ModelCIF file with pLDDT and N, C-alpha, C, O atoms, coordinates in Angstrom:
data_MODEL
#
_entry.id   MODEL 
#
_entity.id                         1 
_entity.type                       polymer 
_entity.pdbx_number_of_molecules   1 
#
_entity_poly.entity_id                      1 
_entity_poly.type                           'polypeptide(L)' 
_entity_poly.nstd_linkage                   no 
_entity_poly.nstd_monomer                   no 
_entity_poly.pdbx_seq_one_letter_code       GRSEHAIAGSESGLRQNVLPPLDDAARAIIDEVM 
_entity_poly.pdbx_seq_one_letter_code_can   GRSEHAIAGSESGLRQNVLPPLDDAARAIIDEVM 
_entity_poly.pdbx_strand_id                 A 
#
loop_
_entity_poly_seq.entity_id 
_entity_poly_seq.num 
_entity_poly_seq.mon_id 
_entity_poly_seq.hetero 
1 1  GLY n 
1 2  ARG n 
1 3  SER n 
1 4  GLU n 
1 5  HIS n 
1 6  ALA n 
1 7  ILE n 
1 8  ALA n 
1 9  GLY n 
1 10 SER n 
1 11 GLU n 
1 12 SER n 
1 13 GLY n 
1 14 LEU n 
1 15 ARG n 
1 16 GLN n 
1 17 ASN n 
1 18 VAL n 
1 19 LEU n 
1 20 PRO n 
1 21 PRO n 
1 22 LEU n 
1 23 ASP n 
1 24 ASP n 
1 25 ALA n 
1 26 ALA n 
1 27 ARG n 
1 28 ALA n 
1 29 ILE n 
1 30 ILE n 
1 31 ASP n 
1 32 GLU n 
1 33 VAL n 
1 34 MET n 
#
_struct_asym.id          A 
_struct_asym.entity_id   1 
#
loop_
_ma_qa_metric.id 
_ma_qa_metric.mode 
_ma_qa_metric.name 
_ma_qa_metric.software_group_id 
_ma_qa_metric.type 
1 global pLDDT . pLDDT 
2 local  pLDDT . pLDDT 
#
_ma_qa_metric_global.metric_id      1 
_ma_qa_metric_global.metric_value   96.38 
_ma_qa_metric_global.model_id       1 
_ma_qa_metric_global.ordinal_id     1 
#
loop_
_ma_qa_metric_local.label_asym_id 
_ma_qa_metric_local.label_comp_id 
_ma_qa_metric_local.label_seq_id 
_ma_qa_metric_local.metric_id 
_ma_qa_metric_local.metric_value 
_ma_qa_metric_local.model_id 
_ma_qa_metric_local.ordinal_id 
A GLY 1  2 96.00 1 1  
A ARG 2  2 95.00 1 2  
A SER 3  2 94.00 1 3  
A GLU 4  2 94.00 1 4  
A HIS 5  2 97.00 1 5  
A ALA 6  2 98.00 1 6  
A ILE 7  2 98.00 1 7  
A ALA 8  2 98.00 1 8  
A GLY 9  2 97.00 1 9  
A SER 10 2 96.00 1 10 
A GLU 11 2 93.00 1 11 
A SER 12 2 94.00 1 12 
A GLY 13 2 95.00 1 13 
A LEU 14 2 97.00 1 14 
A ARG 15 2 95.00 1 15 
A GLN 16 2 94.00 1 16 
A ASN 17 2 93.00 1 17 
A VAL 18 2 94.00 1 18 
A LEU 19 2 96.00 1 19 
A PRO 20 2 97.00 1 20 
A PRO 21 2 96.00 1 21 
A LEU 22 2 97.00 1 22 
A ASP 23 2 97.00 1 23 
A ASP 24 2 97.00 1 24 
A ALA 25 2 98.00 1 25 
A ALA 26 2 98.00 1 26 
A ARG 27 2 98.00 1 27 
A ALA 28 2 98.00 1 28 
A ILE 29 2 98.00 1 29 
A ILE 30 2 98.00 1 30 
A ASP 31 2 98.00 1 31 
A GLU 32 2 98.00 1 32 
A VAL 33 2 98.00 1 33 
A MET 34 2 97.00 1 34 
#
loop_
_atom_site.group_PDB 
_atom_site.id 
_atom_site.type_symbol 
_atom_site.label_atom_id 
_atom_site.label_alt_id 
_atom_site.label_comp_id 
_atom_site.label_asym_id 
_atom_site.label_entity_id 
_atom_site.label_seq_id 
_atom_site.pdbx_PDB_ins_code 
_atom_site.Cartn_x 
_atom_site.Cartn_y 
_atom_site.Cartn_z 
_atom_site.occupancy 
_atom_site.B_iso_or_equiv 
_atom_site.pdbx_formal_charge 
_atom_site.auth_seq_id 
_atom_site.auth_comp_id 
_atom_site.auth_asym_id 
_atom_site.auth_atom_id 
_atom_site.pdbx_PDB_model_num 
ATOM 1   N N  . GLY A 1 1  ? 28.387 84.055 50.565 1.00 96.00 ? 1  GLY A N  1 
ATOM 2   C CA . GLY A 1 1  ? 27.228 84.703 49.977 1.00 96.00 ? 1  GLY A CA 1 
ATOM 3   C C  . GLY A 1 1  ? 27.092 84.516 48.481 1.00 96.00 ? 1  GLY A C  1 
ATOM 4   O O  . GLY A 1 1  ? 26.447 85.318 47.805 1.00 96.00 ? 1  GLY A O  1 
ATOM 5   N N  . ARG A 1 2  ? 27.693 83.468 47.967 1.00 95.00 ? 2  ARG A N  1 
ATOM 6   C CA . ARG A 1 2  ? 27.622 83.205 46.531 1.00 95.00 ? 2  ARG A CA 1 
ATOM 7   C C  . ARG A 1 2  ? 26.419 82.324 46.232 1.00 95.00 ? 2  ARG A C  1 
ATOM 8   O O  . ARG A 1 2  ? 26.041 81.473 47.037 1.00 95.00 ? 2  ARG A O  1 
ATOM 9   N N  . SER A 1 3  ? 25.827 82.537 45.071 1.00 94.00 ? 3  SER A N  1 
ATOM 10  C CA . SER A 1 3  ? 24.641 81.764 44.686 1.00 94.00 ? 3  SER A CA 1 
ATOM 11  C C  . SER A 1 3  ? 24.975 80.550 43.837 1.00 94.00 ? 3  SER A C  1 
ATOM 12  O O  . SER A 1 3  ? 24.112 79.701 43.612 1.00 94.00 ? 3  SER A O  1 
ATOM 13  N N  . GLU A 1 4  ? 26.227 80.448 43.355 1.00 94.00 ? 4  GLU A N  1 
ATOM 14  C CA . GLU A 1 4  ? 26.592 79.317 42.510 1.00 94.00 ? 4  GLU A CA 1 
ATOM 15  C C  . GLU A 1 4  ? 26.651 78.017 43.321 1.00 94.00 ? 4  GLU A C  1 
ATOM 16  O O  . GLU A 1 4  ? 26.733 78.024 44.549 1.00 94.00 ? 4  GLU A O  1 
ATOM 17  N N  . HIS A 1 5  ? 26.606 76.918 42.593 1.00 97.00 ? 5  HIS A N  1 
ATOM 18  C CA . HIS A 1 5  ? 26.757 75.602 43.202 1.00 97.00 ? 5  HIS A CA 1 
ATOM 19  C C  . HIS A 1 5  ? 27.831 74.816 42.462 1.00 97.00 ? 5  HIS A C  1 
ATOM 20  O O  . HIS A 1 5  ? 28.016 74.974 41.255 1.00 97.00 ? 5  HIS A O  1 
ATOM 21  N N  . ALA A 1 6  ? 28.531 73.969 43.201 1.00 98.00 ? 6  ALA A N  1 
ATOM 22  C CA . ALA A 1 6  ? 29.543 73.115 42.591 1.00 98.00 ? 6  ALA A CA 1 
ATOM 23  C C  . ALA A 1 6  ? 28.884 72.049 41.715 1.00 98.00 ? 6  ALA A C  1 
ATOM 24  O O  . ALA A 1 6  ? 27.733 71.666 41.929 1.00 98.00 ? 6  ALA A O  1 
ATOM 25  N N  . ILE A 1 7  ? 29.639 71.586 40.736 1.00 98.00 ? 7  ILE A N  1 
ATOM 26  C CA . ILE A 1 7  ? 29.199 70.531 39.827 1.00 98.00 ? 7  ILE A CA 1 
ATOM 27  C C  . ILE A 1 7  ? 29.940 69.248 40.174 1.00 98.00 ? 7  ILE A C  1 
ATOM 28  O O  . ILE A 1 7  ? 31.144 69.279 40.428 1.00 98.00 ? 7  ILE A O  1 
ATOM 29  N N  . ALA A 1 8  ? 29.250 68.144 40.187 1.00 98.00 ? 8  ALA A N  1 
ATOM 30  C CA . ALA A 1 8  ? 29.883 66.855 40.474 1.00 98.00 ? 8  ALA A CA 1 
ATOM 31  C C  . ALA A 1 8  ? 30.641 66.362 39.251 1.00 98.00 ? 8  ALA A C  1 
ATOM 32  O O  . ALA A 1 8  ? 30.088 66.287 38.154 1.00 98.00 ? 8  ALA A O  1 
ATOM 33  N N  . GLY A 1 9  ? 31.911 66.028 39.448 1.00 97.00 ? 9  GLY A N  1 
ATOM 34  C CA . GLY A 1 9  ? 32.687 65.387 38.400 1.00 97.00 ? 9  GLY A CA 1 
ATOM 35  C C  . GLY A 1 9  ? 32.384 63.898 38.349 1.00 97.00 ? 9  GLY A C  1 
ATOM 36  O O  . GLY A 1 9  ? 31.559 63.384 39.105 1.00 97.00 ? 9  GLY A O  1 
ATOM 37  N N  . SER A 1 10 ? 33.060 63.230 37.454 1.00 96.00 ? 10 SER A N  1 
ATOM 38  C CA . SER A 1 10 ? 32.837 61.796 37.277 1.00 96.00 ? 10 SER A CA 1 
ATOM 39  C C  . SER A 1 10 ? 33.343 61.006 38.474 1.00 96.00 ? 10 SER A C  1 
ATOM 40  O O  . SER A 1 10 ? 34.352 61.358 39.085 1.00 96.00 ? 10 SER A O  1 
ATOM 41  N N  . GLU A 1 11 ? 32.634 59.942 38.797 1.00 93.00 ? 11 GLU A N  1 
ATOM 42  C CA . GLU A 1 11 ? 33.070 59.020 39.846 1.00 93.00 ? 11 GLU A CA 1 
ATOM 43  C C  . GLU A 1 11 ? 34.122 58.043 39.320 1.00 93.00 ? 11 GLU A C  1 
ATOM 44  O O  . GLU A 1 11 ? 34.787 57.361 40.100 1.00 93.00 ? 11 GLU A O  1 
ATOM 45  N N  . SER A 1 12 ? 34.270 57.979 38.001 1.00 94.00 ? 12 SER A N  1 
ATOM 46  C CA . SER A 1 12 ? 35.160 56.990 37.386 1.00 94.00 ? 12 SER A CA 1 
ATOM 47  C C  . SER A 1 12 ? 36.214 57.678 36.534 1.00 94.00 ? 12 SER A C  1 
ATOM 48  O O  . SER A 1 12 ? 35.955 58.706 35.908 1.00 94.00 ? 12 SER A O  1 
ATOM 49  N N  . GLY A 1 13 ? 37.407 57.094 36.519 1.00 95.00 ? 13 GLY A N  1 
ATOM 50  C CA . GLY A 1 13 ? 38.452 57.586 35.650 1.00 95.00 ? 13 GLY A CA 1 
ATOM 51  C C  . GLY A 1 13 ? 38.247 57.125 34.214 1.00 95.00 ? 13 GLY A C  1 
ATOM 52  O O  . GLY A 1 13 ? 37.394 56.285 33.929 1.00 95.00 ? 13 GLY A O  1 
ATOM 53  N N  . LEU A 1 14 ? 39.046 57.692 33.315 1.00 97.00 ? 14 LEU A N  1 
ATOM 54  C CA . LEU A 1 14 ? 38.956 57.309 31.903 1.00 97.00 ? 14 LEU A CA 1 
ATOM 55  C C  . LEU A 1 14 ? 39.585 55.944 31.676 1.00 97.00 ? 14 LEU A C  1 
ATOM 56  O O  . LEU A 1 14 ? 40.450 55.500 32.432 1.00 97.00 ? 14 LEU A O  1 
ATOM 57  N N  . ARG A 1 15 ? 39.126 55.291 30.612 1.00 95.00 ? 15 ARG A N  1 
ATOM 58  C CA . ARG A 1 15 ? 39.731 54.036 30.176 1.00 95.00 ? 15 ARG A CA 1 
ATOM 59  C C  . ARG A 1 15 ? 40.446 54.258 28.863 1.00 95.00 ? 15 ARG A C  1 
ATOM 60  O O  . ARG A 1 15 ? 40.002 55.040 28.022 1.00 95.00 ? 15 ARG A O  1 
ATOM 61  N N  . GLN A 1 16 ? 41.551 53.569 28.696 1.00 94.00 ? 16 GLN A N  1 
ATOM 62  C CA . GLN A 1 16 ? 42.380 53.747 27.508 1.00 94.00 ? 16 GLN A CA 1 
ATOM 63  C C  . GLN A 1 16 ? 41.572 53.493 26.241 1.00 94.00 ? 16 GLN A C  1 
ATOM 64  O O  . GLN A 1 16 ? 40.920 52.456 26.115 1.00 94.00 ? 16 GLN A O  1 
ATOM 65  N N  . ASN A 1 17 ? 41.613 54.451 25.289 1.00 93.00 ? 17 ASN A N  1 
ATOM 66  C CA . ASN A 1 17 ? 40.985 54.332 23.967 1.00 93.00 ? 17 ASN A CA 1 
ATOM 67  C C  . ASN A 1 17 ? 39.465 54.156 24.020 1.00 93.00 ? 17 ASN A C  1 
ATOM 68  O O  . ASN A 1 17 ? 38.868 53.596 23.100 1.00 93.00 ? 17 ASN A O  1 
ATOM 69  N N  . VAL A 1 18 ? 38.842 54.640 25.103 1.00 94.00 ? 18 VAL A N  1 
ATOM 70  C CA . VAL A 1 18 ? 37.383 54.583 25.227 1.00 94.00 ? 18 VAL A CA 1 
ATOM 71  C C  . VAL A 1 18 ? 36.873 56.012 25.419 1.00 94.00 ? 18 VAL A C  1 
ATOM 72  O O  . VAL A 1 18 ? 37.318 56.713 26.328 1.00 94.00 ? 18 VAL A O  1 
ATOM 73  N N  . LEU A 1 19 ? 35.949 56.443 24.573 1.00 96.00 ? 19 LEU A N  1 
ATOM 74  C CA . LEU A 1 19 ? 35.386 57.786 24.697 1.00 96.00 ? 19 LEU A CA 1 
ATOM 75  C C  . LEU A 1 19 ? 34.452 57.819 25.905 1.00 96.00 ? 19 LEU A C  1 
ATOM 76  O O  . LEU A 1 19 ? 33.468 57.080 25.941 1.00 96.00 ? 19 LEU A O  1 
ATOM 77  N N  . PRO A 1 20 ? 34.743 58.664 26.891 1.00 97.00 ? 20 PRO A N  1 
ATOM 78  C CA . PRO A 1 20 ? 33.872 58.728 28.074 1.00 97.00 ? 20 PRO A CA 1 
ATOM 79  C C  . PRO A 1 20 ? 32.577 59.457 27.740 1.00 97.00 ? 20 PRO A C  1 
ATOM 80  O O  . PRO A 1 20 ? 32.540 60.228 26.781 1.00 97.00 ? 20 PRO A O  1 
ATOM 81  N N  . PRO A 1 21 ? 31.526 59.233 28.502 1.00 96.00 ? 21 PRO A N  1 
ATOM 82  C CA . PRO A 1 21 ? 30.289 59.983 28.274 1.00 96.00 ? 21 PRO A CA 1 
ATOM 83  C C  . PRO A 1 21 ? 30.485 61.465 28.561 1.00 96.00 ? 21 PRO A C  1 
ATOM 84  O O  . PRO A 1 21 ? 31.312 61.851 29.387 1.00 96.00 ? 21 PRO A O  1 
ATOM 85  N N  . LEU A 1 22 ? 29.714 62.280 27.865 1.00 97.00 ? 22 LEU A N  1 
ATOM 86  C CA . LEU A 1 22 ? 29.767 63.725 28.075 1.00 97.00 ? 22 LEU A CA 1 
ATOM 87  C C  . LEU A 1 22 ? 28.897 64.056 29.290 1.00 97.00 ? 22 LEU A C  1 
ATOM 88  O O  . LEU A 1 22 ? 27.683 64.213 29.164 1.00 97.00 ? 22 LEU A O  1 
ATOM 89  N N  . ASP A 1 23 ? 29.516 64.160 30.453 1.00 97.00 ? 23 ASP A N  1 
ATOM 90  C CA . ASP A 1 23 ? 28.758 64.404 31.672 1.00 97.00 ? 23 ASP A CA 1 
ATOM 91  C C  . ASP A 1 23 ? 28.557 65.901 31.891 1.00 97.00 ? 23 ASP A C  1 
ATOM 92  O O  . ASP A 1 23 ? 28.996 66.721 31.085 1.00 97.00 ? 23 ASP A O  1 
ATOM 93  N N  . ASP A 1 24 ? 27.894 66.244 32.983 1.00 97.00 ? 24 ASP A N  1 
ATOM 94  C CA . ASP A 1 24 ? 27.560 67.649 33.249 1.00 97.00 ? 24 ASP A CA 1 
ATOM 95  C C  . ASP A 1 24 ? 28.805 68.516 33.386 1.00 97.00 ? 24 ASP A C  1 
ATOM 96  O O  . ASP A 1 24 ? 28.832 69.646 32.899 1.00 97.00 ? 24 ASP A O  1 
ATOM 97  N N  . ALA A 1 25 ? 29.830 67.995 34.045 1.00 98.00 ? 25 ALA A N  1 
ATOM 98  C CA . ALA A 1 25 ? 31.038 68.786 34.253 1.00 98.00 ? 25 ALA A CA 1 
ATOM 99  C C  . ALA A 1 25 ? 31.721 69.097 32.926 1.00 98.00 ? 25 ALA A C  1 
ATOM 100 O O  . ALA A 1 25 ? 32.072 70.247 32.661 1.00 98.00 ? 25 ALA A O  1 
ATOM 101 N N  . ALA A 1 26 ? 31.910 68.078 32.094 1.00 98.00 ? 26 ALA A N  1 
ATOM 102 C CA . ALA A 1 26 ? 32.571 68.292 30.799 1.00 98.00 ? 26 ALA A CA 1 
ATOM 103 C C  . ALA A 1 26 ? 31.746 69.204 29.902 1.00 98.00 ? 26 ALA A C  1 
ATOM 104 O O  . ALA A 1 26 ? 32.296 70.044 29.189 1.00 98.00 ? 26 ALA A O  1 
ATOM 105 N N  . ARG A 1 27 ? 30.436 69.041 29.939 1.00 98.00 ? 27 ARG A N  1 
ATOM 106 C CA . ARG A 1 27 ? 29.563 69.899 29.122 1.00 98.00 ? 27 ARG A CA 1 
ATOM 107 C C  . ARG A 1 27 ? 29.681 71.361 29.560 1.00 98.00 ? 27 ARG A C  1 
ATOM 108 O O  . ARG A 1 27 ? 29.731 72.261 28.722 1.00 98.00 ? 27 ARG A O  1 
ATOM 109 N N  . ALA A 1 28 ? 29.723 71.591 30.860 1.00 98.00 ? 28 ALA A N  1 
ATOM 110 C CA . ALA A 1 28 ? 29.850 72.953 31.372 1.00 98.00 ? 28 ALA A CA 1 
ATOM 111 C C  . ALA A 1 28 ? 31.204 73.560 30.990 1.00 98.00 ? 28 ALA A C  1 
ATOM 112 O O  . ALA A 1 28 ? 31.291 74.746 30.669 1.00 98.00 ? 28 ALA A O  1 
ATOM 113 N N  . ILE A 1 29 ? 32.253 72.742 31.027 1.00 98.00 ? 29 ILE A N  1 
ATOM 114 C CA . ILE A 1 29 ? 33.575 73.210 30.611 1.00 98.00 ? 29 ILE A CA 1 
ATOM 115 C C  . ILE A 1 29 ? 33.548 73.654 29.156 1.00 98.00 ? 29 ILE A C  1 
ATOM 116 O O  . ILE A 1 29 ? 34.010 74.746 28.827 1.00 98.00 ? 29 ILE A O  1 
ATOM 117 N N  . ILE A 1 30 ? 33.010 72.815 28.293 1.00 98.00 ? 30 ILE A N  1 
ATOM 118 C CA . ILE A 1 30 ? 32.954 73.148 26.864 1.00 98.00 ? 30 ILE A CA 1 
ATOM 119 C C  . ILE A 1 30 ? 32.156 74.419 26.635 1.00 98.00 ? 30 ILE A C  1 
ATOM 120 O O  . ILE A 1 30 ? 32.564 75.272 25.846 1.00 98.00 ? 30 ILE A O  1 
ATOM 121 N N  . ASP A 1 31 ? 31.029 74.557 27.311 1.00 98.00 ? 31 ASP A N  1 
ATOM 122 C CA . ASP A 1 31 ? 30.195 75.756 27.144 1.00 98.00 ? 31 ASP A CA 1 
ATOM 123 C C  . ASP A 1 31 ? 30.963 77.017 27.528 1.00 98.00 ? 31 ASP A C  1 
ATOM 124 O O  . ASP A 1 31 ? 30.872 78.033 26.839 1.00 98.00 ? 31 ASP A O  1 
ATOM 125 N N  . GLU A 1 32 ? 31.713 76.958 28.619 1.00 98.00 ? 32 GLU A N  1 
ATOM 126 C CA . GLU A 1 32 ? 32.466 78.138 29.054 1.00 98.00 ? 32 GLU A CA 1 
ATOM 127 C C  . GLU A 1 32 ? 33.638 78.426 28.122 1.00 98.00 ? 32 GLU A C  1 
ATOM 128 O O  . GLU A 1 32 ? 33.880 79.574 27.749 1.00 98.00 ? 32 GLU A O  1 
ATOM 129 N N  . VAL A 1 33 ? 34.354 77.387 27.754 1.00 98.00 ? 33 VAL A N  1 
ATOM 130 C CA . VAL A 1 33 ? 35.537 77.567 26.914 1.00 98.00 ? 33 VAL A CA 1 
ATOM 131 C C  . VAL A 1 33 ? 35.167 78.115 25.533 1.00 98.00 ? 33 VAL A C  1 
ATOM 132 O O  . VAL A 1 33 ? 35.894 78.936 24.974 1.00 98.00 ? 33 VAL A O  1 
ATOM 133 N N  . MET A 1 34 ? 34.067 77.669 25.001 1.00 97.00 ? 34 MET A N  1 
ATOM 134 C CA . MET A 1 34 ? 33.708 78.023 23.632 1.00 97.00 ? 34 MET A CA 1 
ATOM 135 C C  . MET A 1 34 ? 32.881 79.304 23.538 1.00 97.00 ? 34 MET A C  1 
ATOM 136 O O  . MET A 1 34 ? 32.509 79.720 22.440 1.00 97.00 ? 34 MET A O  1 
#
């Protein structure tokens, strides 16, 4: 009976020394943490 929905994480892993794009999951994490 919850109204929330899951967020899709990235389909791709990180690459060494490459800044990944700020996707919806990471943005939501930052918003909650901060």
